[in-house]
Each structure stands twice: as C-alpha cells, then as structure tokens.
Amino acid sequence: MRKGAPEKVALAWWIRERTTASLRWVSERLRMGHSGNASQGARKLSRTGARQLKQMKSVLERISEKEQ
C-alpha cells in the first residue's frame, strides 16, 4: 500500500485516538514515511474525512465498542 492509503490513515487515526502511541511509532509501524504523514492524515480525517475514510472510521469504532 502507498504511504497515504486511506486504510493506513484510518488506522493511524484510530490508534492515536485510543492509545498514547507516538506519531513516530504509528508512522513507522504502518510504513507511512515521515510522522507528519500520519499526523496530517489523522487530522484530515477528524476534520472532514472523505466518504471512504468515514466508512472505515465507523467500522473501527464499532469494533472498538464490541471489545469493551
């Protein structure tokens, strides 16, 4: 997958919302390149979010709720 793939962006957002993992750690694990890519993508998703990203965000939130 490319560095800014919507799946990676949604997962980066989800990890950052629910953990104290650093941007550097998230970007390294997801192979997103510079940590700014993870930050910018997560910020974009939080603000507006494309339709595909919003759908992935919803799926991740439902998974999270089931785990609790």
PDB file of N, CA and C in Angstrom:
ATOM      1  N   MET A   1       0.837  -1.187   0.000  1.00  0.00           N
ATOM      2  CA  MET A   1       0.000   0.000   0.000  1.00  0.00           C
ATOM      3  C   MET A   1       0.878   1.246   0.000  1.00  0.00           C
ATOM      4  N   ARG A   2       0.350   2.290  -0.584  1.00  0.00           N
ATOM      5  CA  ARG A   2       1.100   3.544  -0.585  1.00  0.00           C
ATOM      6  C   ARG A   2       1.061   4.181   0.814  1.00  0.00           C
ATOM      7  N   LYS A   3       1.959   5.101   1.024  1.00  0.00           N
ATOM      8  CA  LYS A   3       2.101   5.723   2.346  1.00  0.00           C
ATOM      9  C   LYS A   3       0.822   6.369   2.853  1.00  0.00           C
ATOM     10  N   GLY A   4       0.075   7.013   1.980  1.00  0.00           N
ATOM     11  CA  GLY A   4      -1.133   7.725   2.399  1.00  0.00           C
ATOM     12  C   GLY A   4      -2.417   6.980   2.104  1.00  0.00           C
ATOM     13  N   ALA A   5      -2.345   5.655   1.996  1.00  0.00           N
ATOM     14  CA  ALA A   5      -3.531   4.850   1.699  1.00  0.00           C
ATOM     15  C   ALA A   5      -4.621   5.121   2.736  1.00  0.00           C
ATOM     16  N   PRO A   6      -5.872   5.223   2.290  1.00  0.00           N
ATOM     17  CA  PRO A   6      -6.966   5.515   3.226  1.00  0.00           C
ATOM     18  C   PRO A   6      -7.039   4.538   4.401  1.00  0.00           C
ATOM     19  N   GLU A   7      -6.733   3.283   4.151  1.00  0.00           N
ATOM     20  CA  GLU A   7      -6.753   2.295   5.234  1.00  0.00           C
ATOM     21  C   GLU A   7      -5.727   2.631   6.300  1.00  0.00           C
ATOM     22  N   LYS A   8      -4.549   3.052   5.874  1.00  0.00           N
ATOM     23  CA  LYS A   8      -3.499   3.423   6.822  1.00  0.00           C
ATOM     24  C   LYS A   8      -3.878   4.679   7.597  1.00  0.00           C
ATOM     25  N   VAL A   9      -4.451   5.627   6.903  1.00  0.00           N
ATOM     26  CA  VAL A   9      -4.854   6.877   7.559  1.00  0.00           C
ATOM     27  C   VAL A   9      -5.909   6.600   8.621  1.00  0.00           C
ATOM     28  N   ALA A  10      -6.909   5.792   8.277  1.00  0.00           N
ATOM     29  CA  ALA A  10      -7.967   5.470   9.240  1.00  0.00           C
ATOM     30  C   ALA A  10      -7.398   4.723  10.441  1.00  0.00           C
ATOM     31  N   LEU A  11      -6.503   3.789  10.187  1.00  0.00           N
ATOM     32  CA  LEU A  11      -5.898   3.036  11.282  1.00  0.00           C
ATOM     33  C   LEU A  11      -5.016   3.929  12.152  1.00  0.00           C
ATOM     34  N   ALA A  12      -4.273   4.834  11.529  1.00  0.00           N
ATOM     35  CA  ALA A  12      -3.442   5.776  12.294  1.00  0.00           C
ATOM     36  C   ALA A  12      -4.321   6.633  13.190  1.00  0.00           C
ATOM     37  N   TRP A  13      -5.436   7.126  12.644  1.00  0.00           N
ATOM     38  CA  TRP A  13      -6.363   7.926  13.446  1.00  0.00           C
ATOM     39  C   TRP A  13      -6.869   7.118  14.630  1.00  0.00           C
ATOM     40  N   TRP A  14      -7.285   5.886  14.376  1.00  0.00           N
ATOM     41  CA  TRP A  14      -7.848   5.018  15.403  1.00  0.00           C
ATOM     42  C   TRP A  14      -6.837   4.740  16.515  1.00  0.00           C
ATOM     43  N   ILE A  15      -5.606   4.447  16.133  1.00  0.00           N
ATOM     44  CA  ILE A  15      -4.550   4.173  17.123  1.00  0.00           C
ATOM     45  C   ILE A  15      -4.300   5.421  17.977  1.00  0.00           C
ATOM     46  N   ARG A  16      -4.214   6.574  17.321  1.00  0.00           N
ATOM     47  CA  ARG A  16      -3.947   7.805  18.061  1.00  0.00           C
ATOM     48  C   ARG A  16      -5.091   8.183  18.994  1.00  0.00           C
ATOM     49  N   GLU A  17      -6.317   7.891  18.621  1.00  0.00           N
ATOM     50  CA  GLU A  17      -7.473   8.211  19.460  1.00  0.00           C
ATOM     51  C   GLU A  17      -7.538   7.334  20.703  1.00  0.00           C
ATOM     52  N   ARG A  18      -7.039   6.127  20.627  1.00  0.00           N
ATOM     53  CA  ARG A  18      -7.238   5.154  21.694  1.00  0.00           C
ATOM     54  C   ARG A  18      -5.988   4.766  22.469  1.00  0.00           C
ATOM     55  N   THR A  19      -4.837   5.288  22.063  1.00  0.00           N
ATOM     56  CA  THR A  19      -3.595   4.930  22.753  1.00  0.00           C
ATOM     57  C   THR A  19      -2.750   6.187  22.971  1.00  0.00           C
ATOM     58  N   THR A  20      -1.629   5.973  23.617  1.00  0.00           N
ATOM     59  CA  THR A  20      -0.670   7.059  23.794  1.00  0.00           C
ATOM     60  C   THR A  20       0.529   6.863  22.874  1.00  0.00           C
ATOM     61  N   ALA A  21       0.367   6.038  21.861  1.00  0.00           N
ATOM     62  CA  ALA A  21       1.453   5.782  20.907  1.00  0.00           C
ATOM     63  C   ALA A  21       1.860   7.080  20.229  1.00  0.00           C
ATOM     64  N   SER A  22       3.151   7.242  20.032  1.00  0.00           N
ATOM     65  CA  SER A  22       3.640   8.456  19.388  1.00  0.00           C
ATOM     66  C   SER A  22       3.382   8.399  17.884  1.00  0.00           C
ATOM     67  N   LEU A  23       3.359   9.567  17.283  1.00  0.00           N
ATOM     68  CA  LEU A  23       3.192   9.636  15.830  1.00  0.00           C
ATOM     69  C   LEU A  23       4.322   8.900  15.127  1.00  0.00           C
ATOM     70  N   ARG A  24       5.498   9.031  15.668  1.00  0.00           N
ATOM     71  CA  ARG A  24       6.648   8.345  15.074  1.00  0.00           C
ATOM     72  C   ARG A  24       6.435   6.839  15.082  1.00  0.00           C
ATOM     73  N   TRP A  25       5.990   6.290  16.205  1.00  0.00           N
ATOM     74  CA  TRP A  25       5.753   4.853  16.317  1.00  0.00           C
ATOM     75  C   TRP A  25       4.689   4.410  15.323  1.00  0.00           C
ATOM     76  N   VAL A  26       3.586   5.142  15.255  1.00  0.00           N
ATOM     77  CA  VAL A  26       2.489   4.799  14.359  1.00  0.00           C
ATOM     78  C   VAL A  26       2.959   4.826  12.911  1.00  0.00           C
ATOM     79  N   SER A  27       3.639   5.889  12.521  1.00  0.00           N
ATOM     80  CA  SER A  27       4.069   6.011  11.130  1.00  0.00           C
ATOM     81  C   SER A  27       5.095   4.948  10.755  1.00  0.00           C
ATOM     82  N   GLU A  28       5.960   4.581  11.688  1.00  0.00           N
ATOM     83  CA  GLU A  28       6.932   3.517  11.415  1.00  0.00           C
ATOM     84  C   GLU A  28       6.238   2.171  11.249  1.00  0.00           C
ATOM     85  N   ARG A  29       5.328   1.851  12.144  1.00  0.00           N
ATOM     86  CA  ARG A  29       4.644   0.551  12.086  1.00  0.00           C
ATOM     87  C   ARG A  29       3.763   0.407  10.854  1.00  0.00           C
ATOM     88  N   LEU A  30       3.148   1.515  10.441  1.00  0.00           N
ATOM     89  CA  LEU A  30       2.260   1.472   9.272  1.00  0.00           C
ATOM     90  C   LEU A  30       2.999   1.801   7.976  1.00  0.00           C
ATOM     91  N   ARG A  31       4.308   2.056   8.110  1.00  0.00           N
ATOM     92  CA  ARG A  31       5.145   2.393   6.957  1.00  0.00           C
ATOM     93  C   ARG A  31       4.554   3.563   6.166  1.00  0.00           C
ATOM     94  N   MET A  32       4.304   4.641   6.909  1.00  0.00           N
ATOM     95  CA  MET A  32       3.719   5.836   6.311  1.00  0.00           C
ATOM     96  C   MET A  32       4.762   6.896   5.994  1.00  0.00           C
ATOM     97  N   GLY A  33       6.030   6.567   6.175  1.00  0.00           N
ATOM     98  CA  GLY A  33       7.084   7.552   5.933  1.00  0.00           C
ATOM     99  C   GLY A  33       7.233   8.468   7.126  1.00  0.00           C
ATOM    100  N   HIS A  34       7.378   9.745   6.871  1.00  0.00           N
ATOM    101  CA  HIS A  34       7.559  10.743   7.924  1.00  0.00           C
ATOM    102  C   HIS A  34       6.342  10.759   8.842  1.00  0.00           C
ATOM    103  N   SER A  35       6.568  11.021  10.121  1.00  0.00           N
ATOM    104  CA  SER A  35       5.473  11.032  11.094  1.00  0.00           C
ATOM    105  C   SER A  35       4.424  12.092  10.770  1.00  0.00           C
ATOM    106  N   GLY A  36       4.817  13.099  10.031  1.00  0.00           N
ATOM    107  CA  GLY A  36       3.868  14.130   9.622  1.00  0.00           C
ATOM    108  C   GLY A  36       2.757  13.575   8.742  1.00  0.00           C
ATOM    109  N   ASN A  37       3.048  12.515   7.993  1.00  0.00           N
ATOM    110  CA  ASN A  37       2.027  11.897   7.148  1.00  0.00           C
ATOM    111  C   ASN A  37       0.896  11.312   7.992  1.00  0.00           C
ATOM    112  N   ALA A  38       1.261  10.659   9.088  1.00  0.00           N
ATOM    113  CA  ALA A  38       0.262  10.085   9.987  1.00  0.00           C
ATOM    114  C   ALA A  38      -0.538  11.198  10.656  1.00  0.00           C
ATOM    115  N   SER A  39       0.153  12.237  11.079  1.00  0.00           N
ATOM    116  CA  SER A  39      -0.498  13.353  11.748  1.00  0.00           C
ATOM    117  C   SER A  39      -1.457  14.084  10.812  1.00  0.00           C
ATOM    118  N   GLN A  40      -0.977  14.385   9.635  1.00  0.00           N
ATOM    119  CA  GLN A  40      -1.794  15.122   8.665  1.00  0.00           C
ATOM    120  C   GLN A  40      -3.021  14.306   8.255  1.00  0.00           C
ATOM    121  N   GLY A  41      -2.837  13.016   8.021  1.00  0.00           N
ATOM    122  CA  GLY A  41      -3.959  12.165   7.639  1.00  0.00           C
ATOM    123  C   GLY A  41      -4.992  12.051   8.740  1.00  0.00           C
ATOM    124  N   ALA A  42      -4.533  11.867   9.972  1.00  0.00           N
ATOM    125  CA  ALA A  42      -5.450  11.748  11.104  1.00  0.00           C
ATOM    126  C   ALA A  42      -6.206  13.057  11.331  1.00  0.00           C
ATOM    127  N   ARG A  43      -5.518  14.172  11.177  1.00  0.00           N
ATOM    128  CA  ARG A  43      -6.152  15.484  11.342  1.00  0.00           C
ATOM    129  C   ARG A  43      -7.212  15.702  10.255  1.00  0.00           C
ATOM    130  N   LYS A  44      -6.868  15.304   9.042  1.00  0.00           N
ATOM    131  CA  LYS A  44      -7.807  15.445   7.927  1.00  0.00           C
ATOM    132  C   LYS A  44      -9.054  14.602   8.169  1.00  0.00           C
ATOM    133  N   LEU A  45      -8.852  13.405   8.663  1.00  0.00           N
ATOM    134  CA  LEU A  45      -9.974  12.511   8.941  1.00  0.00           C
ATOM    135  C   LEU A  45     -10.847  13.079  10.044  1.00  0.00           C
ATOM    136  N   SER A  46     -10.250  13.625  11.066  1.00  0.00           N
ATOM    137  CA  SER A  46     -11.012  14.200  12.167  1.00  0.00           C
ATOM    138  C   SER A  46     -11.827  15.416  11.716  1.00  0.00           C
ATOM    139  N   ARG A  47     -11.252  16.216  10.841  1.00  0.00           N
ATOM    140  CA  ARG A  47     -11.932  17.430  10.370  1.00  0.00           C
ATOM    141  C   ARG A  47     -13.049  17.116   9.393  1.00  0.00           C
ATOM    142  N   THR A  48     -12.694  16.542   8.287  1.00  0.00           N
ATOM    143  CA  THR A  48     -13.691  16.346   7.234  1.00  0.00           C
ATOM    144  C   THR A  48     -13.848  14.872   6.900  1.00  0.00           C
ATOM    145  N   GLY A  49     -12.798  14.285   6.432  1.00  0.00           N
ATOM    146  CA  GLY A  49     -12.817  12.870   6.094  1.00  0.00           C
ATOM    147  C   GLY A  49     -13.579  12.580   4.822  1.00  0.00           C
ATOM    148  N   ALA A  50     -12.926  11.954   3.908  1.00  0.00           N
ATOM    149  CA  ALA A  50     -13.590  11.516   2.689  1.00  0.00           C
ATOM    150  C   ALA A  50     -14.583  10.412   3.032  1.00  0.00           C
ATOM    151  N   ARG A  51     -15.484  10.156   2.135  1.00  0.00           N
ATOM    152  CA  ARG A  51     -16.525   9.154   2.380  1.00  0.00           C
ATOM    153  C   ARG A  51     -15.935   7.790   2.741  1.00  0.00           C
ATOM    154  N   GLN A  52     -14.943   7.361   1.982  1.00  0.00           N
ATOM    155  CA  GLN A  52     -14.316   6.061   2.248  1.00  0.00           C
ATOM    156  C   GLN A  52     -13.669   6.042   3.630  1.00  0.00           C
ATOM    157  N   LEU A  53     -13.005   7.133   4.000  1.00  0.00           N
ATOM    158  CA  LEU A  53     -12.366   7.204   5.310  1.00  0.00           C
ATOM    159  C   LEU A  53     -13.395   7.205   6.425  1.00  0.00           C
ATOM    160  N   LYS A  54     -14.508   7.903   6.222  1.00  0.00           N
ATOM    161  CA  LYS A  54     -15.562   7.918   7.238  1.00  0.00           C
ATOM    162  C   LYS A  54     -16.135   6.524   7.450  1.00  0.00           C
ATOM    163  N   GLN A  55     -16.280   5.770   6.373  1.00  0.00           N
ATOM    164  CA  GLN A  55     -16.788   4.402   6.492  1.00  0.00           C
ATOM    165  C   GLN A  55     -15.821   3.544   7.294  1.00  0.00           C
ATOM    166  N   MET A  56     -14.522   3.666   7.002  1.00  0.00           N
ATOM    167  CA  MET A  56     -13.520   2.895   7.751  1.00  0.00           C
ATOM    168  C   MET A  56     -13.510   3.313   9.210  1.00  0.00           C
ATOM    169  N   LYS A  57     -13.652   4.603   9.461  1.00  0.00           N
ATOM    170  CA  LYS A  57     -13.691   5.115  10.832  1.00  0.00           C
ATOM    171  C   LYS A  57     -14.871   4.489  11.582  1.00  0.00           C
ATOM    172  N   SER A  58     -16.020   4.397  10.933  1.00  0.00           N
ATOM    173  CA  SER A  58     -17.208   3.796  11.552  1.00  0.00           C
ATOM    174  C   SER A  58     -16.983   2.336  11.885  1.00  0.00           C
ATOM    175  N   VAL A  59     -16.361   1.619  10.972  1.00  0.00           N
ATOM    176  CA  VAL A  59     -16.074   0.198  11.199  1.00  0.00           C
ATOM    177  C   VAL A  59     -15.148   0.044  12.404  1.00  0.00           C
ATOM    178  N   LEU A  60     -14.088   0.842  12.465  1.00  0.00           N
ATOM    179  CA  LEU A  60     -13.153   0.758  13.582  1.00  0.00           C
ATOM    180  C   LEU A  60     -13.835   1.104  14.906  1.00  0.00           C
ATOM    181  N   GLU A  61     -14.726   2.081  14.892  1.00  0.00           N
ATOM    182  CA  GLU A  61     -15.438   2.442  16.120  1.00  0.00           C
ATOM    183  C   GLU A  61     -16.351   1.319  16.574  1.00  0.00           C
ATOM    184  N   ARG A  62     -17.021   0.654  15.638  1.00  0.00           N
ATOM    185  CA  ARG A  62     -17.895  -0.474  16.009  1.00  0.00           C
ATOM    186  C   ARG A  62     -17.091  -1.623  16.596  1.00  0.00           C
ATOM    187  N   ILE A  63     -15.929  -1.904  16.013  1.00  0.00           N
ATOM    188  CA  ILE A  63     -15.065  -2.955  16.538  1.00  0.00           C
ATOM    189  C   ILE A  63     -14.648  -2.610  17.962  1.00  0.00           C
ATOM    190  N   SER A  64     -14.296  -1.366  18.166  1.00  0.00           N
ATOM    191  CA  SER A  64     -13.883  -0.894  19.489  1.00  0.00           C
ATOM    192  C   SER A  64     -14.987  -1.070  20.520  1.00  0.00           C
ATOM    193  N   GLU A  65     -16.205  -0.725  20.138  1.00  0.00           N
ATOM    194  CA  GLU A  65     -17.331  -0.849  21.060  1.00  0.00           C
ATOM    195  C   GLU A  65     -17.590  -2.295  21.437  1.00  0.00           C
ATOM    196  N   LYS A  66     -17.426  -3.210  20.500  1.00  0.00           N
ATOM    197  CA  LYS A  66     -17.657  -4.640  20.772  1.00  0.00           C
ATOM    198  C   LYS A  66     -16.626  -5.189  21.734  1.00  0.00           C
ATOM    199  N   GLU A  67     -15.401  -4.652  21.684  1.00  0.00           N
ATOM    200  CA  GLU A  67     -14.328  -5.129  22.553  1.00  0.00           C
ATOM    201  C   GLU A  67     -14.526  -4.684  23.999  1.00  0.00           C
ATOM    202  N   GLN A  68     -15.307  -3.638  24.214  1.00  0.00           N
ATOM    203  CA  GLN A  68     -15.468  -3.102  25.571  1.00  0.00           C
ATOM    204  C   GLN A  68     -16.512  -3.814  26.302  1.00  0.00           C
TER     205      GLN A  68
END
